[in-house]
Amino acid sequence: MDAAVDVIGGRWKALILWTLHAEPLRFGELKRKVAGISEKMLIQALRELEADEIVHREVFHEIPPKVEYSLTDLGQRLNTALLPLGDWGEENMAGIARRRGVTPAPPHTASA
């Protein structure tokens, strides 16, 4: 448990993993899909996930330069382990938001 929490610790890493679940994404696409993350935080989180071999960074040598991020096999297995946590969040989101006095976020899907 400690290793998993260490790898996905912080606010953004689990959301990045969830976003990369369906397909590889370029940096700008990933930034748009992970609402609220700053460019600096996205760069930092991606570097850490790449160092932990959770995310693969592929550089295409073309003009203009193109970089895509995708999950490694290890990242896909970690994402699969997060599915029950995501299910719990979806099932309990409305009640949590109500107790906090906020509007619940729209539901997420693994294919989104």
PDB file of N, CA and C in Angstrom:
ATOM      1  N   MET A   1       0.824  -1.191   0.000  1.00  0.00           N
ATOM      2  CA  MET A   1       0.000   0.000   0.000  1.00  0.00           C
ATOM      3  C   MET A   1       0.869   1.257   0.000  1.00  0.00           C
ATOM      4  N   ASP A   2       1.938   1.248   0.798  1.00  0.00           N
ATOM      5  CA  ASP A   2       2.812   2.425   0.868  1.00  0.00           C
ATOM      6  C   ASP A   2       3.403   2.775  -0.492  1.00  0.00           C
ATOM      7  N   ALA A   3       3.828   1.753  -1.246  1.00  0.00           N
ATOM      8  CA  ALA A   3       4.436   2.005  -2.554  1.00  0.00           C
ATOM      9  C   ALA A   3       3.432   2.644  -3.498  1.00  0.00           C
ATOM     10  N   ALA A   4       2.202   2.139  -3.509  1.00  0.00           N
ATOM     11  CA  ALA A   4       1.175   2.692  -4.404  1.00  0.00           C
ATOM     12  C   ALA A   4       0.852   4.130  -4.031  1.00  0.00           C
ATOM     13  N   VAL A   5       0.679   4.385  -2.747  1.00  0.00           N
ATOM     14  CA  VAL A   5       0.355   5.745  -2.300  1.00  0.00           C
ATOM     15  C   VAL A   5       1.527   6.685  -2.600  1.00  0.00           C
ATOM     16  N   ASP A   6       2.740   6.191  -2.450  1.00  0.00           N
ATOM     17  CA  ASP A   6       3.907   7.023  -2.748  1.00  0.00           C
ATOM     18  C   ASP A   6       3.941   7.409  -4.235  1.00  0.00           C
ATOM     19  N   VAL A   7       3.597   6.466  -5.107  1.00  0.00           N
ATOM     20  CA  VAL A   7       3.636   6.722  -6.548  1.00  0.00           C
ATOM     21  C   VAL A   7       2.524   7.668  -6.988  1.00  0.00           C
ATOM     22  N   ILE A   8       1.325   7.549  -6.401  1.00  0.00           N
ATOM     23  CA  ILE A   8       0.198   8.382  -6.852  1.00  0.00           C
ATOM     24  C   ILE A   8      -0.146   9.487  -5.872  1.00  0.00           C
ATOM     25  N   GLY A   9       0.734   9.724  -4.894  1.00  0.00           N
ATOM     26  CA  GLY A   9       0.471  10.750  -3.895  1.00  0.00           C
ATOM     27  C   GLY A   9       0.311  12.126  -4.508  1.00  0.00           C
ATOM     28  N   GLY A  10      -0.396  12.977  -3.806  1.00  0.00           N
ATOM     29  CA  GLY A  10      -0.639  14.329  -4.278  1.00  0.00           C
ATOM     30  C   GLY A  10      -1.983  14.441  -4.963  1.00  0.00           C
ATOM     31  N   ARG A  11      -2.294  15.629  -5.352  1.00  0.00           N
ATOM     32  CA  ARG A  11      -3.615  15.925  -5.897  1.00  0.00           C
ATOM     33  C   ARG A  11      -3.802  15.453  -7.332  1.00  0.00           C
ATOM     34  N   TRP A  12      -2.738  15.418  -8.133  1.00  0.00           N
ATOM     35  CA  TRP A  12      -2.908  15.313  -9.575  1.00  0.00           C
ATOM     36  C   TRP A  12      -2.589  13.962 -10.196  1.00  0.00           C
ATOM     37  N   LYS A  13      -1.718  13.178  -9.604  1.00  0.00           N
ATOM     38  CA  LYS A  13      -1.227  11.978 -10.275  1.00  0.00           C
ATOM     39  C   LYS A  13      -2.330  10.976 -10.604  1.00  0.00           C
ATOM     40  N   ALA A  14      -3.229  10.723  -9.679  1.00  0.00           N
ATOM     41  CA  ALA A  14      -4.313   9.768  -9.961  1.00  0.00           C
ATOM     42  C   ALA A  14      -5.199  10.291 -11.096  1.00  0.00           C
ATOM     43  N   LEU A  15      -5.433  11.599 -11.128  1.00  0.00           N
ATOM     44  CA  LEU A  15      -6.241  12.178 -12.209  1.00  0.00           C
ATOM     45  C   LEU A  15      -5.534  12.070 -13.559  1.00  0.00           C
ATOM     46  N   ILE A  16      -4.227  12.231 -13.559  1.00  0.00           N
ATOM     47  CA  ILE A  16      -3.455  12.073 -14.791  1.00  0.00           C
ATOM     48  C   ILE A  16      -3.536  10.625 -15.273  1.00  0.00           C
ATOM     49  N   LEU A  17      -3.355   9.678 -14.350  1.00  0.00           N
ATOM     50  CA  LEU A  17      -3.458   8.262 -14.716  1.00  0.00           C
ATOM     51  C   LEU A  17      -4.829   7.952 -15.293  1.00  0.00           C
ATOM     52  N   TRP A  18      -5.856   8.443 -14.634  1.00  0.00           N
ATOM     53  CA  TRP A  18      -7.229   8.194 -15.080  1.00  0.00           C
ATOM     54  C   TRP A  18      -7.447   8.773 -16.483  1.00  0.00           C
ATOM     55  N   THR A  19      -6.902   9.936 -16.729  1.00  0.00           N
ATOM     56  CA  THR A  19      -7.064  10.606 -18.018  1.00  0.00           C
ATOM     57  C   THR A  19      -6.330   9.862 -19.129  1.00  0.00           C
ATOM     58  N   LEU A  20      -5.192   9.260 -18.811  1.00  0.00           N
ATOM     59  CA  LEU A  20      -4.423   8.528 -19.811  1.00  0.00           C
ATOM     60  C   LEU A  20      -4.931   7.105 -20.029  1.00  0.00           C
ATOM     61  N   HIS A  21      -5.961   6.717 -19.291  1.00  0.00           N
ATOM     62  CA  HIS A  21      -6.472   5.348 -19.348  1.00  0.00           C
ATOM     63  C   HIS A  21      -6.889   4.932 -20.753  1.00  0.00           C
ATOM     64  N   ALA A  22      -7.565   5.785 -21.473  1.00  0.00           N
ATOM     65  CA  ALA A  22      -8.161   5.414 -22.758  1.00  0.00           C
ATOM     66  C   ALA A  22      -7.182   5.471 -23.927  1.00  0.00           C
ATOM     67  N   GLU A  23      -6.272   6.445 -23.910  1.00  0.00           N
ATOM     68  CA  GLU A  23      -5.415   6.639 -25.086  1.00  0.00           C
ATOM     69  C   GLU A  23      -4.224   7.516 -24.744  1.00  0.00           C
ATOM     70  N   PRO A  24      -3.158   7.434 -25.550  1.00  0.00           N
ATOM     71  CA  PRO A  24      -2.035   8.361 -25.378  1.00  0.00           C
ATOM     72  C   PRO A  24      -2.496   9.785 -25.690  1.00  0.00           C
ATOM     73  N   LEU A  25      -1.919  10.744 -24.988  1.00  0.00           N
ATOM     74  CA  LEU A  25      -2.295  12.141 -25.195  1.00  0.00           C
ATOM     75  C   LEU A  25      -1.055  13.012 -25.280  1.00  0.00           C
ATOM     76  N   ARG A  26      -1.177  14.075 -26.068  1.00  0.00           N
ATOM     77  CA  ARG A  26      -0.139  15.092 -26.107  1.00  0.00           C
ATOM     78  C   ARG A  26      -0.284  15.967 -24.867  1.00  0.00           C
ATOM     79  N   PHE A  27       0.768  16.722 -24.561  1.00  0.00           N
ATOM     80  CA  PHE A  27       0.794  17.539 -23.346  1.00  0.00           C
ATOM     81  C   PHE A  27      -0.409  18.482 -23.270  1.00  0.00           C
ATOM     82  N   GLY A  28      -0.674  19.211 -24.341  1.00  0.00           N
ATOM     83  CA  GLY A  28      -1.774  20.179 -24.348  1.00  0.00           C
ATOM     84  C   GLY A  28      -3.128  19.517 -24.144  1.00  0.00           C
ATOM     85  N   GLU A  29      -3.313  18.354 -24.766  1.00  0.00           N
ATOM     86  CA  GLU A  29      -4.578  17.614 -24.588  1.00  0.00           C
ATOM     87  C   GLU A  29      -4.735  17.181 -23.142  1.00  0.00           C
ATOM     88  N   LEU A  30      -3.657  16.694 -22.560  1.00  0.00           N
ATOM     89  CA  LEU A  30      -3.681  16.247 -21.171  1.00  0.00           C
ATOM     90  C   LEU A  30      -3.985  17.416 -20.234  1.00  0.00           C
ATOM     91  N   LYS A  31      -3.371  18.566 -20.503  1.00  0.00           N
ATOM     92  CA  LYS A  31      -3.604  19.753 -19.670  1.00  0.00           C
ATOM     93  C   LYS A  31      -5.070  20.191 -19.738  1.00  0.00           C
ATOM     94  N   ARG A  32      -5.669  20.129 -20.920  1.00  0.00           N
ATOM     95  CA  ARG A  32      -7.088  20.502 -21.062  1.00  0.00           C
ATOM     96  C   ARG A  32      -8.008  19.522 -20.347  1.00  0.00           C
ATOM     97  N   LYS A  33      -7.664  18.250 -20.353  1.00  0.00           N
ATOM     98  CA  LYS A  33      -8.539  17.233 -19.766  1.00  0.00           C
ATOM     99  C   LYS A  33      -8.413  17.123 -18.248  1.00  0.00           C
ATOM    100  N   VAL A  34      -7.275  17.541 -17.690  1.00  0.00           N
ATOM    101  CA  VAL A  34      -7.094  17.535 -16.236  1.00  0.00           C
ATOM    102  C   VAL A  34      -7.392  18.960 -15.758  1.00  0.00           C
ATOM    103  N   ALA A  35      -8.654  19.222 -15.526  1.00  0.00           N
ATOM    104  CA  ALA A  35      -9.123  20.574 -15.207  1.00  0.00           C
ATOM    105  C   ALA A  35      -8.448  21.124 -13.956  1.00  0.00           C
ATOM    106  N   GLY A  36      -7.939  22.339 -14.082  1.00  0.00           N
ATOM    107  CA  GLY A  36      -7.387  23.045 -12.930  1.00  0.00           C
ATOM    108  C   GLY A  36      -5.900  22.874 -12.705  1.00  0.00           C
ATOM    109  N   ILE A  37      -5.263  21.954 -13.403  1.00  0.00           N
ATOM    110  CA  ILE A  37      -3.831  21.739 -13.172  1.00  0.00           C
ATOM    111  C   ILE A  37      -3.021  22.814 -13.905  1.00  0.00           C
ATOM    112  N   SER A  38      -1.986  23.305 -13.249  1.00  0.00           N
ATOM    113  CA  SER A  38      -1.108  24.283 -13.889  1.00  0.00           C
ATOM    114  C   SER A  38      -0.090  23.549 -14.755  1.00  0.00           C
ATOM    115  N   GLU A  39       0.488  24.274 -15.686  1.00  0.00           N
ATOM    116  CA  GLU A  39       1.509  23.683 -16.550  1.00  0.00           C
ATOM    117  C   GLU A  39       2.678  23.161 -15.718  1.00  0.00           C
ATOM    118  N   LYS A  40       3.093  23.937 -14.724  1.00  0.00           N
ATOM    119  CA  LYS A  40       4.212  23.549 -13.862  1.00  0.00           C
ATOM    120  C   LYS A  40       3.912  22.243 -13.126  1.00  0.00           C
ATOM    121  N   MET A  41       2.719  22.127 -12.565  1.00  0.00           N
ATOM    122  CA  MET A  41       2.367  20.917 -11.820  1.00  0.00           C
ATOM    123  C   MET A  41       2.242  19.708 -12.739  1.00  0.00           C
ATOM    124  N   LEU A  42       1.705  19.917 -13.945  1.00  0.00           N
ATOM    125  CA  LEU A  42       1.582  18.812 -14.894  1.00  0.00           C
ATOM    126  C   LEU A  42       2.967  18.310 -15.303  1.00  0.00           C
ATOM    127  N   ILE A  43       3.875  19.221 -15.593  1.00  0.00           N
ATOM    128  CA  ILE A  43       5.241  18.842 -15.963  1.00  0.00           C
ATOM    129  C   ILE A  43       5.892  18.055 -14.824  1.00  0.00           C
ATOM    130  N   GLN A  44       5.762  18.559 -13.601  1.00  0.00           N
ATOM    131  CA  GLN A  44       6.374  17.906 -12.443  1.00  0.00           C
ATOM    132  C   GLN A  44       5.794  16.511 -12.225  1.00  0.00           C
ATOM    133  N   ALA A  45       4.469  16.393 -12.262  1.00  0.00           N
ATOM    134  CA  ALA A  45       3.827  15.098 -12.044  1.00  0.00           C
ATOM    135  C   ALA A  45       4.204  14.106 -13.144  1.00  0.00           C
ATOM    136  N   LEU A  46       4.218  14.559 -14.398  1.00  0.00           N
ATOM    137  CA  LEU A  46       4.585  13.669 -15.498  1.00  0.00           C
ATOM    138  C   LEU A  46       6.030  13.195 -15.366  1.00  0.00           C
ATOM    139  N   ARG A  47       6.921  14.063 -14.959  1.00  0.00           N
ATOM    140  CA  ARG A  47       8.326  13.665 -14.770  1.00  0.00           C
ATOM    141  C   ARG A  47       8.450  12.605 -13.681  1.00  0.00           C
ATOM    142  N   GLU A  48       7.718  12.804 -12.582  1.00  0.00           N
ATOM    143  CA  GLU A  48       7.759  11.831 -11.490  1.00  0.00           C
ATOM    144  C   GLU A  48       7.149  10.493 -11.911  1.00  0.00           C
ATOM    145  N   LEU A  49       6.026  10.544 -12.626  1.00  0.00           N
ATOM    146  CA  LEU A  49       5.394   9.305 -13.096  1.00  0.00           C
ATOM    147  C   LEU A  49       6.283   8.597 -14.127  1.00  0.00           C
ATOM    148  N   GLU A  50       6.987   9.361 -14.932  1.00  0.00           N
ATOM    149  CA  GLU A  50       7.905   8.768 -15.903  1.00  0.00           C
ATOM    150  C   GLU A  50       9.087   8.123 -15.175  1.00  0.00           C
ATOM    151  N   ALA A  51       9.622   8.784 -14.163  1.00  0.00           N
ATOM    152  CA  ALA A  51      10.741   8.232 -13.395  1.00  0.00           C
ATOM    153  C   ALA A  51      10.343   6.935 -12.690  1.00  0.00           C
ATOM    154  N   ASP A  52       9.079   6.837 -12.280  1.00  0.00           N
ATOM    155  CA  ASP A  52       8.572   5.623 -11.630  1.00  0.00           C
ATOM    156  C   ASP A  52       8.112   4.570 -12.638  1.00  0.00           C
ATOM    157  N   GLU A  53       8.297   4.854 -13.930  1.00  0.00           N
ATOM    158  CA  GLU A  53       7.930   3.960 -15.029  1.00  0.00           C
ATOM    159  C   GLU A  53       6.436   3.630 -15.059  1.00  0.00           C
ATOM    160  N   ILE A  54       5.628   4.624 -14.674  1.00  0.00           N
ATOM    161  CA  ILE A  54       4.171   4.524 -14.723  1.00  0.00           C
ATOM    162  C   ILE A  54       3.671   5.113 -16.044  1.00  0.00           C
ATOM    163  N   VAL A  55       4.349   6.163 -16.489  1.00  0.00           N
ATOM    164  CA  VAL A  55       3.994   6.863 -17.733  1.00  0.00           C
ATOM    165  C   VAL A  55       5.179   6.791 -18.686  1.00  0.00           C
ATOM    166  N   HIS A  56       4.878   6.592 -19.957  1.00  0.00           N
ATOM    167  CA  HIS A  56       5.899   6.591 -21.010  1.00  0.00           C
ATOM    168  C   HIS A  56       5.785   7.901 -21.790  1.00  0.00           C
ATOM    169  N   ARG A  57       6.912   8.532 -22.027  1.00  0.00           N
ATOM    170  CA  ARG A  57       6.979   9.767 -22.815  1.00  0.00           C
ATOM    171  C   ARG A  57       7.646   9.436 -24.139  1.00  0.00           C
ATOM    172  N   GLU A  58       6.907   9.626 -25.221  1.00  0.00           N
ATOM    173  CA  GLU A  58       7.460   9.344 -26.544  1.00  0.00           C
ATOM    174  C   GLU A  58       7.616  10.639 -27.321  1.00  0.00           C
ATOM    175  N   VAL A  59       8.832  10.883 -27.769  1.00  0.00           N
ATOM    176  CA  VAL A  59       9.145  12.083 -28.533  1.00  0.00           C
ATOM    177  C   VAL A  59       9.186  11.708 -30.011  1.00  0.00           C
ATOM    178  N   PHE A  60       8.395  12.413 -30.809  1.00  0.00           N
ATOM    179  CA  PHE A  60       8.401  12.231 -32.257  1.00  0.00           C
ATOM    180  C   PHE A  60       9.254  13.341 -32.847  1.00  0.00           C
ATOM    181  N   HIS A  61      10.285  12.964 -33.547  1.00  0.00           N
ATOM    182  CA  HIS A  61      11.222  13.955 -34.102  1.00  0.00           C
ATOM    183  C   HIS A  61      10.669  14.471 -35.420  1.00  0.00           C
ATOM    184  N   GLU A  62       9.844  15.484 -35.303  1.00  0.00           N
ATOM    185  CA  GLU A  62       9.228  16.112 -36.463  1.00  0.00           C
ATOM    186  C   GLU A  62       9.067  17.597 -36.185  1.00  0.00           C
ATOM    187  N   ILE A  63       8.689  18.332 -37.168  1.00  0.00           N
ATOM    188  CA  ILE A  63       8.460  19.767 -37.040  1.00  0.00           C
ATOM    189  C   ILE A  63       6.974  20.023 -37.233  1.00  0.00           C
ATOM    190  N   PRO A  64       6.278  20.640 -36.295  1.00  0.00           N
ATOM    191  CA  PRO A  64       6.739  20.995 -34.953  1.00  0.00           C
ATOM    192  C   PRO A  64       6.911  19.747 -34.094  1.00  0.00           C
ATOM    193  N   PRO A  65       7.736  19.866 -33.039  1.00  0.00           N
ATOM    194  CA  PRO A  65       7.986  18.710 -32.174  1.00  0.00           C
ATOM    195  C   PRO A  65       6.679  18.174 -31.577  1.00  0.00           C
ATOM    196  N   LYS A  66       6.614  16.868 -31.423  1.00  0.00           N
ATOM    197  CA  LYS A  66       5.423  16.230 -30.873  1.00  0.00           C
ATOM    198  C   LYS A  66       5.857  15.258 -29.783  1.00  0.00           C
ATOM    199  N   VAL A  67       5.177  15.318 -28.634  1.00  0.00           N
ATOM    200  CA  VAL A  67       5.431  14.410 -27.515  1.00  0.00           C
ATOM    201  C   VAL A  67       4.093  13.836 -27.083  1.00  0.00           C
ATOM    202  N   GLU A  68       4.056  12.526 -26.888  1.00  0.00           N
ATOM    203  CA  GLU A  68       2.846  11.865 -26.390  1.00  0.00           C
ATOM    204  C   GLU A  68       3.157  11.140 -25.099  1.00  0.00           C
ATOM    205  N   TYR A  69       2.164  11.136 -24.213  1.00  0.00           N
ATOM    206  CA  TYR A  69       2.270  10.429 -22.954  1.00  0.00           C
ATOM    207  C   TYR A  69       1.273   9.282 -22.955  1.00  0.00           C
ATOM    208  N   SER A  70       1.711   8.135 -22.465  1.00  0.00           N
ATOM    209  CA  SER A  70       0.838   6.964 -22.369  1.00  0.00           C
ATOM    210  C   SER A  70       1.196   6.190 -21.109  1.00  0.00           C
ATOM    211  N   LEU A  71       0.317   5.281 -20.734  1.00  0.00           N
ATOM    212  CA  LEU A  71       0.582   4.439 -19.575  1.00  0.00           C
ATOM    213  C   LEU A  71       1.458   3.261 -19.983  1.00  0.00           C
ATOM    214  N   THR A  72       2.407   2.923 -19.145  1.00  0.00           N
ATOM    215  CA  THR A  72       3.181   1.701 -19.326  1.00  0.00           C
ATOM    216  C   THR A  72       2.317   0.535 -18.827  1.00  0.00           C
ATOM    217  N   ASP A  73       2.807  -0.684 -18.973  1.00  0.00           N
ATOM    218  CA  ASP A  73       2.083  -1.836 -18.420  1.00  0.00           C
ATOM    219  C   ASP A  73       1.902  -1.672 -16.913  1.00  0.00           C
ATOM    220  N   LEU A  74       2.936  -1.192 -16.246  1.00  0.00           N
ATOM    221  CA  LEU A  74       2.856  -0.954 -14.803  1.00  0.00           C
ATOM    222  C   LEU A  74       1.803   0.107 -14.492  1.00  0.00           C
ATOM    223  N   GLY A  75       1.742   1.152 -15.310  1.00  0.00           N
ATOM    224  CA  GLY A  75       0.747   2.211 -15.132  1.00  0.00           C
ATOM    225  C   GLY A  75      -0.665   1.701 -15.368  1.00  0.00           C
ATOM    226  N   GLN A  76      -0.833   0.827 -16.363  1.00  0.00           N
ATOM    227  CA  GLN A  76      -2.155   0.258 -16.622  1.00  0.00           C
ATOM    228  C   GLN A  76      -2.609  -0.602 -15.449  1.00  0.00           C
ATOM    229  N   ARG A  77      -1.683  -1.371 -14.880  1.00  0.00           N
ATOM    230  CA  ARG A  77      -2.041  -2.199 -13.712  1.00  0.00           C
ATOM    231  C   ARG A  77      -2.403  -1.330 -12.512  1.00  0.00           C
ATOM    232  N   LEU A  78      -1.670  -0.232 -12.331  1.00  0.00           N
ATOM    233  CA  LEU A  78      -1.989   0.691 -11.241  1.00  0.00           C
ATOM    234  C   LEU A  78      -3.353   1.325 -11.461  1.00  0.00           C
ATOM    235  N   ASN A  79      -3.651   1.709 -12.676  1.00  0.00           N
ATOM    236  CA  ASN A  79      -4.951   2.299 -13.001  1.00  0.00           C
ATOM    237  C   ASN A  79      -6.074   1.299 -12.723  1.00  0.00           C
ATOM    238  N   THR A  80      -5.851   0.042 -13.064  1.00  0.00           N
ATOM    239  CA  THR A  80      -6.844  -1.000 -12.779  1.00  0.00           C
ATOM    240  C   THR A  80      -7.082  -1.112 -11.272  1.00  0.00           C
ATOM    241  N   ALA A  81      -6.019  -0.994 -10.496  1.00  0.00           N
ATOM    242  CA  ALA A  81      -6.151  -1.045  -9.037  1.00  0.00           C
ATOM    243  C   ALA A  81      -6.935   0.151  -8.499  1.00  0.00           C
ATOM    244  N   LEU A  82      -6.919   1.282  -9.230  1.00  0.00           N
ATOM    245  CA  LEU A  82      -7.638   2.480  -8.796  1.00  0.00           C
ATOM    246  C   LEU A  82      -9.129   2.439  -9.145  1.00  0.00           C
ATOM    247  N   LEU A  83      -9.542   1.511 -10.015  1.00  0.00           N
ATOM    248  CA  LEU A  83     -10.950   1.454 -10.437  1.00  0.00           C
ATOM    249  C   LEU A  83     -11.926   1.373  -9.262  1.00  0.00           C
ATOM    250  N   PRO A  84     -11.705   0.500  -8.264  1.00  0.00           N
ATOM    251  CA  PRO A  84     -12.647   0.471  -7.133  1.00  0.00           C
ATOM    252  C   PRO A  84     -12.707   1.795  -6.369  1.00  0.00           C
ATOM    253  N   LEU A  85     -11.584   2.495  -6.280  1.00  0.00           N
ATOM    254  CA  LEU A  85     -11.565   3.800  -5.617  1.00  0.00           C
ATOM    255  C   LEU A  85     -12.401   4.800  -6.410  1.00  0.00           C
ATOM    256  N   GLY A  86     -12.274   4.767  -7.737  1.00  0.00           N
ATOM    257  CA  GLY A  86     -13.093   5.631  -8.589  1.00  0.00           C
ATOM    258  C   GLY A  86     -14.569   5.304  -8.463  1.00  0.00           C
ATOM    259  N   ASP A  87     -14.891   4.010  -8.411  1.00  0.00           N
ATOM    260  CA  ASP A  87     -16.290   3.593  -8.239  1.00  0.00           C
ATOM    261  C   ASP A  87     -16.848   4.114  -6.914  1.00  0.00           C
ATOM    262  N   TRP A  88     -16.057   3.996  -5.862  1.00  0.00           N
ATOM    263  CA  TRP A  88     -16.490   4.484  -4.545  1.00  0.00           C
ATOM    264  C   TRP A  88     -16.773   5.986  -4.614  1.00  0.00           C
ATOM    265  N   GLY A  89     -15.890   6.722  -5.260  1.00  0.00           N
ATOM    266  CA  GLY A  89     -16.070   8.166  -5.381  1.00  0.00           C
ATOM    267  C   GLY A  89     -17.344   8.516  -6.147  1.00  0.00           C
ATOM    268  N   GLU A  90     -17.587   7.815  -7.260  1.00  0.00           N
ATOM    269  CA  GLU A  90     -18.797   8.068  -8.053  1.00  0.00           C
ATOM    270  C   GLU A  90     -20.053   7.778  -7.235  1.00  0.00           C
ATOM    271  N   GLU A  91     -20.030   6.675  -6.482  1.00  0.00           N
ATOM    272  CA  GLU A  91     -21.197   6.274  -5.690  1.00  0.00           C
ATOM    273  C   GLU A  91     -21.481   7.243  -4.545  1.00  0.00           C
ATOM    274  N   ASN A  92     -20.454   7.880  -4.032  1.00  0.00           N
ATOM    275  CA  ASN A  92     -20.605   8.710  -2.832  1.00  0.00           C
ATOM    276  C   ASN A  92     -20.453  10.201  -3.078  1.00  0.00           C
ATOM    277  N   MET A  93     -20.213  10.604  -4.338  1.00  0.00           N
ATOM    278  CA  MET A  93     -19.935  12.005  -4.671  1.00  0.00           C
ATOM    279  C   MET A  93     -21.056  12.946  -4.241  1.00  0.00           C
ATOM    280  N   ALA A  94     -22.292  12.583  -4.523  1.00  0.00           N
ATOM    281  CA  ALA A  94     -23.419  13.477  -4.215  1.00  0.00           C
ATOM    282  C   ALA A  94     -23.527  13.725  -2.714  1.00  0.00           C
ATOM    283  N   GLY A  95     -23.407  12.672  -1.920  1.00  0.00           N
ATOM    284  CA  GLY A  95     -23.491  12.827  -0.470  1.00  0.00           C
ATOM    285  C   GLY A  95     -22.345  13.645   0.101  1.00  0.00           C
ATOM    286  N   ILE A  96     -21.150  13.418  -0.408  1.00  0.00           N
ATOM    287  CA  ILE A  96     -19.984  14.183   0.048  1.00  0.00           C
ATOM    288  C   ILE A  96     -20.161  15.654  -0.297  1.00  0.00           C
ATOM    289  N   ALA A  97     -20.583  15.933  -1.524  1.00  0.00           N
ATOM    290  CA  ALA A  97     -20.792  17.324  -1.952  1.00  0.00           C
ATOM    291  C   ALA A  97     -21.879  17.985  -1.108  1.00  0.00           C
ATOM    292  N   ARG A  98     -22.952  17.257  -0.843  1.00  0.00           N
ATOM    293  CA  ARG A  98     -24.047  17.818  -0.034  1.00  0.00           C
ATOM    294  C   ARG A  98     -23.550  18.183   1.362  1.00  0.00           C
ATOM    295  N   ARG A  99     -22.784  17.292   1.996  1.00  0.00           N
ATOM    296  CA  ARG A  99     -22.260  17.582   3.339  1.00  0.00           C
ATOM    297  C   ARG A  99     -21.282  18.751   3.334  1.00  0.00           C
ATOM    298  N   ARG A 100     -20.596  18.942   2.228  1.00  0.00           N
ATOM    299  CA  ARG A 100     -19.636  20.050   2.121  1.00  0.00           C
ATOM    300  C   ARG A 100     -20.277  21.326   1.611  1.00  0.00           C
ATOM    301  N   GLY A 101     -21.523  21.234   1.176  1.00  0.00           N
ATOM    302  CA  GLY A 101     -22.233  22.407   0.673  1.00  0.00           C
ATOM    303  C   GLY A 101     -21.739  22.880  -0.677  1.00  0.00           C
ATOM    304  N   VAL A 102     -21.325  21.948  -1.525  1.00  0.00           N
ATOM    305  CA  VAL A 102     -20.833  22.298  -2.859  1.00  0.00           C
ATOM    306  C   VAL A 102     -21.602  21.493  -3.905  1.00  0.00           C
ATOM    307  N   THR A 103     -21.468  21.888  -5.150  1.00  0.00           N
ATOM    308  CA  THR A 103     -22.093  21.177  -6.260  1.00  0.00           C
ATOM    309  C   THR A 103     -21.194  20.000  -6.635  1.00  0.00           C
ATOM    310  N   PRO A 104     -21.761  18.803  -6.794  1.00  0.00           N
ATOM    311  CA  PRO A 104     -20.910  17.658  -7.158  1.00  0.00           C
ATOM    312  C   PRO A 104     -20.314  17.822  -8.558  1.00  0.00           C
ATOM    313  N   ALA A 105     -19.126  17.300  -8.723  1.00  0.00           N
ATOM    314  CA  ALA A 105     -18.470  17.315 -10.028  1.00  0.00           C
ATOM    315  C   ALA A 105     -19.197  16.358 -10.956  1.00  0.00           C
ATOM    316  N   PRO A 106     -19.108  16.585 -12.264  1.00  0.00           N
ATOM    317  CA  PRO A 106     -19.736  15.639 -13.197  1.00  0.00           C
ATOM    318  C   PRO A 106     -19.065  14.277 -13.104  1.00  0.00           C
ATOM    319  N   PRO A 107     -19.808  13.200 -13.347  1.00  0.00           N
ATOM    320  CA  PRO A 107     -19.223  11.865 -13.263  1.00  0.00           C
ATOM    321  C   PRO A 107     -18.137  11.659 -14.324  1.00  0.00           C
ATOM    322  N   HIS A 108     -17.172  10.830 -13.990  1.00  0.00           N
ATOM    323  CA  HIS A 108     -16.094  10.482 -14.905  1.00  0.00           C
ATOM    324  C   HIS A 108     -16.284   9.033 -15.331  1.00  0.00           C
ATOM    325  N   THR A 109     -15.746   8.702 -16.481  1.00  0.00           N
ATOM    326  CA  THR A 109     -15.729   7.311 -16.908  1.00  0.00           C
ATOM    327  C   THR A 109     -14.323   6.973 -17.344  1.00  0.00           C
ATOM    328  N   ALA A 110     -13.979   5.690 -17.265  1.00  0.00           N
ATOM    329  CA  ALA A 110     -12.646   5.262 -17.654  1.00  0.00           C
ATOM    330  C   ALA A 110     -12.403   5.489 -19.138  1.00  0.00           C
ATOM    331  N   SER A 111     -13.439   5.541 -19.934  1.00  0.00           N
ATOM    332  CA  SER A 111     -13.259   5.736 -21.373  1.00  0.00           C
ATOM    333  C   SER A 111     -13.250   7.198 -21.774  1.00  0.00           C
ATOM    334  N   ALA A 112     -13.492   8.107 -20.846  1.00  0.00           N
ATOM    335  CA  ALA A 112     -13.558   9.540 -21.163  1.00  0.00           C
ATOM    336  C   ALA A 112     -12.187  10.137 -21.291  1.00  0.00           C
TER     337      ALA A 112
END
